[in-house]
Amino acid sequence: CTSDPDEGDYIASIITKVRSHGALGNIYVIGSSNGAALAHRLASNAGDDLPIKGIVATVTQLLDSPERSGPGTLNYNQPSISAERTTPAVSVLSVMGTADG
């Protein structure tokens, strides 16, 4: 997936900019539908560049395939415990329903 936008890097650059202005608190992501899928992807790539502590995701799925949803190193769809990439623990609240349209 090299033609999709590098959303992970974009979000990381926003966090870096906000941190440069003195914001040092924890970072949480909230999303619904496609935004929830992005929240899951950010959590799957959490680490020094994406210091995500928790997400709230409503009405979505965690993609198993493809392996990545964009170029760059911050767009994997699944957390990892490999030697090359280890994802730290991220708290997740996932809200689903039985009558989702």
N, C-alpha and C. Protein backbone atom coordinates (compact mmCIF):
# COMPACT_ATOMS: atom_id res chain seq x y z
N CYS A 1 0.84 -1.17 0.00
CA CYS A 1 0.00 0.00 0.00
C CYS A 1 0.89 1.25 0.00
N THR A 2 1.33 1.67 -1.13
CA THR A 2 2.22 2.83 -1.19
C THR A 2 1.54 4.07 -1.73
N SER A 3 0.32 3.95 -2.24
CA SER A 3 -0.35 5.11 -2.82
C SER A 3 -1.30 5.79 -1.85
N ASP A 4 -1.62 5.16 -0.72
CA ASP A 4 -2.51 5.76 0.27
C ASP A 4 -1.76 6.83 1.07
N PRO A 5 -2.50 7.77 1.67
CA PRO A 5 -1.83 8.79 2.48
C PRO A 5 -1.14 8.17 3.70
N ASP A 6 -0.07 8.80 4.15
CA ASP A 6 0.68 8.33 5.31
C ASP A 6 0.06 8.93 6.56
N GLU A 7 -1.11 8.40 6.96
CA GLU A 7 -1.85 8.95 8.08
C GLU A 7 -1.10 8.84 9.41
N GLY A 8 -0.38 7.73 9.60
CA GLY A 8 0.38 7.56 10.83
C GLY A 8 1.41 8.65 11.00
N ASP A 9 2.15 8.95 9.95
CA ASP A 9 3.17 10.01 10.00
C ASP A 9 2.52 11.37 10.20
N TYR A 10 1.37 11.58 9.57
CA TYR A 10 0.66 12.86 9.71
C TYR A 10 0.24 13.09 11.16
N ILE A 11 -0.37 12.08 11.78
CA ILE A 11 -0.79 12.20 13.19
C ILE A 11 0.44 12.38 14.08
N ALA A 12 1.51 11.63 13.82
CA ALA A 12 2.75 11.78 14.60
C ALA A 12 3.29 13.20 14.51
N SER A 13 3.20 13.82 13.32
CA SER A 13 3.70 15.20 13.18
C SER A 13 2.84 16.19 13.97
N ILE A 14 1.54 15.94 14.05
CA ILE A 14 0.66 16.79 14.87
C ILE A 14 1.05 16.66 16.34
N ILE A 15 1.26 15.43 16.80
CA ILE A 15 1.65 15.21 18.19
C ILE A 15 2.97 15.90 18.49
N THR A 16 3.94 15.79 17.59
CA THR A 16 5.24 16.45 17.78
C THR A 16 5.07 17.96 17.88
N LYS A 17 4.23 18.54 17.03
CA LYS A 17 4.00 19.99 17.05
C LYS A 17 3.36 20.42 18.37
N VAL A 18 2.35 19.69 18.82
CA VAL A 18 1.68 20.03 20.07
C VAL A 18 2.65 19.87 21.25
N ARG A 19 3.46 18.82 21.23
CA ARG A 19 4.46 18.61 22.29
C ARG A 19 5.48 19.75 22.30
N SER A 20 5.83 20.29 21.13
CA SER A 20 6.81 21.38 21.07
C SER A 20 6.30 22.65 21.74
N HIS A 21 4.99 22.73 21.95
CA HIS A 21 4.39 23.88 22.64
C HIS A 21 4.17 23.61 24.12
N GLY A 22 4.72 22.49 24.63
CA GLY A 22 4.68 22.22 26.06
C GLY A 22 3.65 21.22 26.52
N ALA A 23 2.84 20.69 25.64
CA ALA A 23 1.84 19.69 26.03
C ALA A 23 2.54 18.36 26.28
N LEU A 24 2.46 17.86 27.50
CA LEU A 24 3.18 16.64 27.86
C LEU A 24 2.28 15.53 28.37
N GLY A 25 0.96 15.72 28.33
CA GLY A 25 0.04 14.73 28.88
C GLY A 25 -0.10 13.49 28.01
N ASN A 26 -0.91 12.57 28.51
CA ASN A 26 -1.20 11.34 27.76
C ASN A 26 -2.03 11.66 26.53
N ILE A 27 -1.96 10.78 25.53
CA ILE A 27 -2.68 10.98 24.28
C ILE A 27 -3.69 9.85 24.11
N TYR A 28 -4.94 10.24 23.90
CA TYR A 28 -6.03 9.30 23.68
C TYR A 28 -6.69 9.64 22.35
N VAL A 29 -7.19 8.62 21.66
CA VAL A 29 -7.81 8.80 20.35
C VAL A 29 -9.23 8.25 20.42
N ILE A 30 -10.18 9.03 19.87
CA ILE A 30 -11.57 8.61 19.80
C ILE A 30 -12.00 8.65 18.34
N GLY A 31 -12.68 7.58 17.88
CA GLY A 31 -13.14 7.56 16.50
C GLY A 31 -14.36 6.69 16.34
N SER A 32 -15.13 7.00 15.30
CA SER A 32 -16.31 6.22 14.96
C SER A 32 -16.21 5.81 13.50
N SER A 33 -16.57 4.57 13.21
CA SER A 33 -16.55 4.04 11.86
C SER A 33 -15.13 4.08 11.28
N ASN A 34 -14.90 4.81 10.18
CA ASN A 34 -13.55 4.88 9.62
C ASN A 34 -12.58 5.53 10.59
N GLY A 35 -13.04 6.48 11.37
CA GLY A 35 -12.19 7.11 12.40
C GLY A 35 -11.80 6.12 13.47
N ALA A 36 -12.68 5.17 13.78
CA ALA A 36 -12.36 4.13 14.75
C ALA A 36 -11.31 3.17 14.18
N ALA A 37 -11.41 2.89 12.88
CA ALA A 37 -10.39 2.05 12.25
C ALA A 37 -9.03 2.75 12.30
N LEU A 38 -9.02 4.07 12.10
CA LEU A 38 -7.77 4.84 12.22
C LEU A 38 -7.27 4.79 13.66
N ALA A 39 -8.16 4.91 14.64
CA ALA A 39 -7.76 4.83 16.05
C ALA A 39 -7.10 3.48 16.33
N HIS A 40 -7.68 2.39 15.83
CA HIS A 40 -7.08 1.07 16.00
C HIS A 40 -5.70 1.02 15.35
N ARG A 41 -5.58 1.59 14.15
CA ARG A 41 -4.30 1.57 13.46
C ARG A 41 -3.25 2.38 14.21
N LEU A 42 -3.64 3.52 14.77
CA LEU A 42 -2.70 4.31 15.56
C LEU A 42 -2.26 3.54 16.80
N ALA A 43 -3.20 2.85 17.44
CA ALA A 43 -2.85 2.03 18.61
C ALA A 43 -1.92 0.90 18.22
N SER A 44 -2.13 0.32 17.03
CA SER A 44 -1.28 -0.77 16.56
C SER A 44 0.14 -0.32 16.26
N ASN A 45 0.32 0.97 16.09
CA ASN A 45 1.64 1.54 15.78
C ASN A 45 2.17 2.41 16.90
N ALA A 46 1.58 2.28 18.09
CA ALA A 46 1.99 3.10 19.23
C ALA A 46 3.46 2.87 19.55
N GLY A 47 4.08 3.88 20.09
CA GLY A 47 5.49 3.81 20.46
C GLY A 47 6.02 5.22 20.65
N ASP A 48 7.30 5.41 20.45
CA ASP A 48 7.91 6.73 20.65
C ASP A 48 7.32 7.80 19.73
N ASP A 49 7.08 7.45 18.47
CA ASP A 49 6.55 8.43 17.52
C ASP A 49 5.05 8.64 17.67
N LEU A 50 4.34 7.63 18.11
CA LEU A 50 2.90 7.71 18.36
C LEU A 50 2.65 7.26 19.80
N PRO A 51 2.82 8.17 20.77
CA PRO A 51 2.69 7.78 22.18
C PRO A 51 1.23 7.68 22.64
N ILE A 52 0.47 6.81 21.98
CA ILE A 52 -0.95 6.64 22.26
C ILE A 52 -1.11 5.78 23.52
N LYS A 53 -1.90 6.28 24.49
CA LYS A 53 -2.14 5.54 25.74
C LYS A 53 -3.45 4.77 25.71
N GLY A 54 -4.42 5.25 24.93
CA GLY A 54 -5.71 4.57 24.88
C GLY A 54 -6.56 5.06 23.74
N ILE A 55 -7.53 4.23 23.34
CA ILE A 55 -8.46 4.60 22.28
C ILE A 55 -9.88 4.23 22.68
N VAL A 56 -10.84 4.96 22.12
CA VAL A 56 -12.26 4.60 22.18
C VAL A 56 -12.69 4.47 20.73
N ALA A 57 -13.12 3.28 20.35
CA ALA A 57 -13.51 3.00 18.97
C ALA A 57 -14.95 2.51 18.93
N THR A 58 -15.79 3.18 18.13
CA THR A 58 -17.18 2.75 18.01
C THR A 58 -17.47 2.30 16.59
N VAL A 59 -18.08 1.15 16.49
CA VAL A 59 -18.57 0.59 15.23
C VAL A 59 -17.45 0.49 14.19
N THR A 60 -16.56 -0.48 14.38
CA THR A 60 -15.47 -0.68 13.43
C THR A 60 -14.91 -2.07 13.54
N GLN A 61 -13.81 -2.29 12.86
CA GLN A 61 -13.12 -3.57 12.89
C GLN A 61 -11.62 -3.31 12.90
N LEU A 62 -10.84 -4.27 13.40
CA LEU A 62 -9.39 -4.23 13.33
C LEU A 62 -9.00 -5.06 12.12
N LEU A 63 -8.41 -4.42 11.12
CA LEU A 63 -8.11 -5.10 9.87
C LEU A 63 -7.04 -6.16 10.04
N ASP A 64 -7.29 -7.33 9.50
CA ASP A 64 -6.30 -8.40 9.46
C ASP A 64 -5.51 -8.34 8.16
N SER A 65 -6.16 -7.86 7.10
CA SER A 65 -5.54 -7.80 5.79
C SER A 65 -6.02 -6.52 5.11
N PRO A 66 -5.18 -5.79 4.45
CA PRO A 66 -3.77 -6.03 4.20
C PRO A 66 -2.93 -5.76 5.46
N GLU A 67 -1.64 -6.10 5.40
CA GLU A 67 -0.76 -5.90 6.54
C GLU A 67 -0.65 -4.41 6.89
N ARG A 68 -0.68 -3.55 5.88
CA ARG A 68 -0.53 -2.11 6.08
C ARG A 68 -1.62 -1.35 5.35
N SER A 69 -1.93 -0.15 5.85
CA SER A 69 -2.93 0.71 5.20
C SER A 69 -2.30 1.99 4.66
N GLY A 70 -1.03 1.96 4.39
CA GLY A 70 -0.36 3.12 3.83
C GLY A 70 1.13 2.95 3.87
N PRO A 71 1.84 3.90 3.29
CA PRO A 71 3.30 3.83 3.29
C PRO A 71 3.86 4.23 4.65
N GLY A 72 5.15 4.14 4.81
CA GLY A 72 5.78 4.56 6.05
C GLY A 72 5.73 3.49 7.12
N THR A 73 6.30 3.80 8.24
CA THR A 73 6.45 2.80 9.32
C THR A 73 5.33 2.85 10.34
N LEU A 74 4.36 3.75 10.20
CA LEU A 74 3.31 3.91 11.21
C LEU A 74 1.94 3.55 10.68
N ASN A 75 1.85 2.61 9.75
CA ASN A 75 0.57 2.27 9.13
C ASN A 75 0.26 0.78 9.13
N TYR A 76 0.83 0.02 10.07
CA TYR A 76 0.49 -1.39 10.19
C TYR A 76 -0.92 -1.54 10.75
N ASN A 77 -1.64 -2.57 10.33
CA ASN A 77 -3.02 -2.77 10.77
C ASN A 77 -3.14 -3.64 12.02
N GLN A 78 -2.07 -4.28 12.43
CA GLN A 78 -2.09 -5.15 13.61
C GLN A 78 -0.93 -4.79 14.54
N PRO A 79 -1.14 -4.92 15.87
CA PRO A 79 -0.01 -4.73 16.80
C PRO A 79 1.06 -5.78 16.54
N SER A 80 2.27 -5.54 17.02
CA SER A 80 3.36 -6.46 16.77
C SER A 80 4.19 -6.69 18.02
N ILE A 81 4.74 -7.90 18.12
CA ILE A 81 5.71 -8.20 19.18
C ILE A 81 6.98 -8.76 18.56
N SER A 82 7.21 -8.42 17.28
CA SER A 82 8.39 -8.92 16.59
C SER A 82 9.63 -8.16 17.06
N ALA A 83 10.80 -8.67 16.73
CA ALA A 83 12.05 -8.04 17.11
C ALA A 83 12.20 -6.67 16.46
N GLU A 84 11.66 -6.51 15.25
CA GLU A 84 11.79 -5.24 14.54
C GLU A 84 10.80 -4.18 15.03
N ARG A 85 9.65 -4.62 15.50
CA ARG A 85 8.59 -3.67 15.86
C ARG A 85 7.77 -4.24 17.01
N THR A 86 7.88 -3.63 18.18
CA THR A 86 7.11 -4.07 19.33
C THR A 86 6.15 -2.96 19.72
N THR A 87 4.87 -3.28 19.79
CA THR A 87 3.85 -2.31 20.14
C THR A 87 3.61 -2.35 21.66
N PRO A 88 3.71 -1.20 22.33
CA PRO A 88 3.42 -1.18 23.77
C PRO A 88 1.92 -1.38 24.02
N ALA A 89 1.58 -1.70 25.25
CA ALA A 89 0.18 -1.89 25.62
C ALA A 89 -0.58 -0.57 25.48
N VAL A 90 -1.76 -0.65 24.89
CA VAL A 90 -2.65 0.50 24.71
C VAL A 90 -4.03 0.08 25.20
N SER A 91 -4.65 0.91 26.05
CA SER A 91 -6.00 0.60 26.52
C SER A 91 -6.99 0.82 25.39
N VAL A 92 -7.97 -0.10 25.25
CA VAL A 92 -8.94 -0.03 24.16
C VAL A 92 -10.34 -0.21 24.73
N LEU A 93 -11.25 0.72 24.42
CA LEU A 93 -12.67 0.56 24.69
C LEU A 93 -13.34 0.51 23.32
N SER A 94 -13.92 -0.64 22.98
CA SER A 94 -14.57 -0.83 21.70
C SER A 94 -16.06 -0.96 21.92
N VAL A 95 -16.84 -0.10 21.26
CA VAL A 95 -18.29 -0.06 21.43
C VAL A 95 -18.94 -0.54 20.14
N MET A 96 -19.71 -1.62 20.24
CA MET A 96 -20.40 -2.20 19.08
C MET A 96 -21.90 -2.32 19.41
N GLY A 97 -22.68 -2.55 18.39
CA GLY A 97 -24.11 -2.74 18.59
C GLY A 97 -24.63 -3.85 17.70
N THR A 98 -25.84 -4.30 17.98
CA THR A 98 -26.43 -5.37 17.16
C THR A 98 -27.31 -4.79 16.05
N ALA A 99 -27.56 -3.50 16.07
CA ALA A 99 -28.43 -2.90 15.06
C ALA A 99 -27.69 -1.87 14.22
N ASP A 100 -26.40 -2.08 14.03
CA ASP A 100 -25.62 -1.15 13.21
C ASP A 100 -26.10 -1.24 11.77
N GLY A 101 -26.53 -0.09 11.23
CA GLY A 101 -27.11 0.01 9.90
C GLY A 101 -26.27 -0.50 8.84
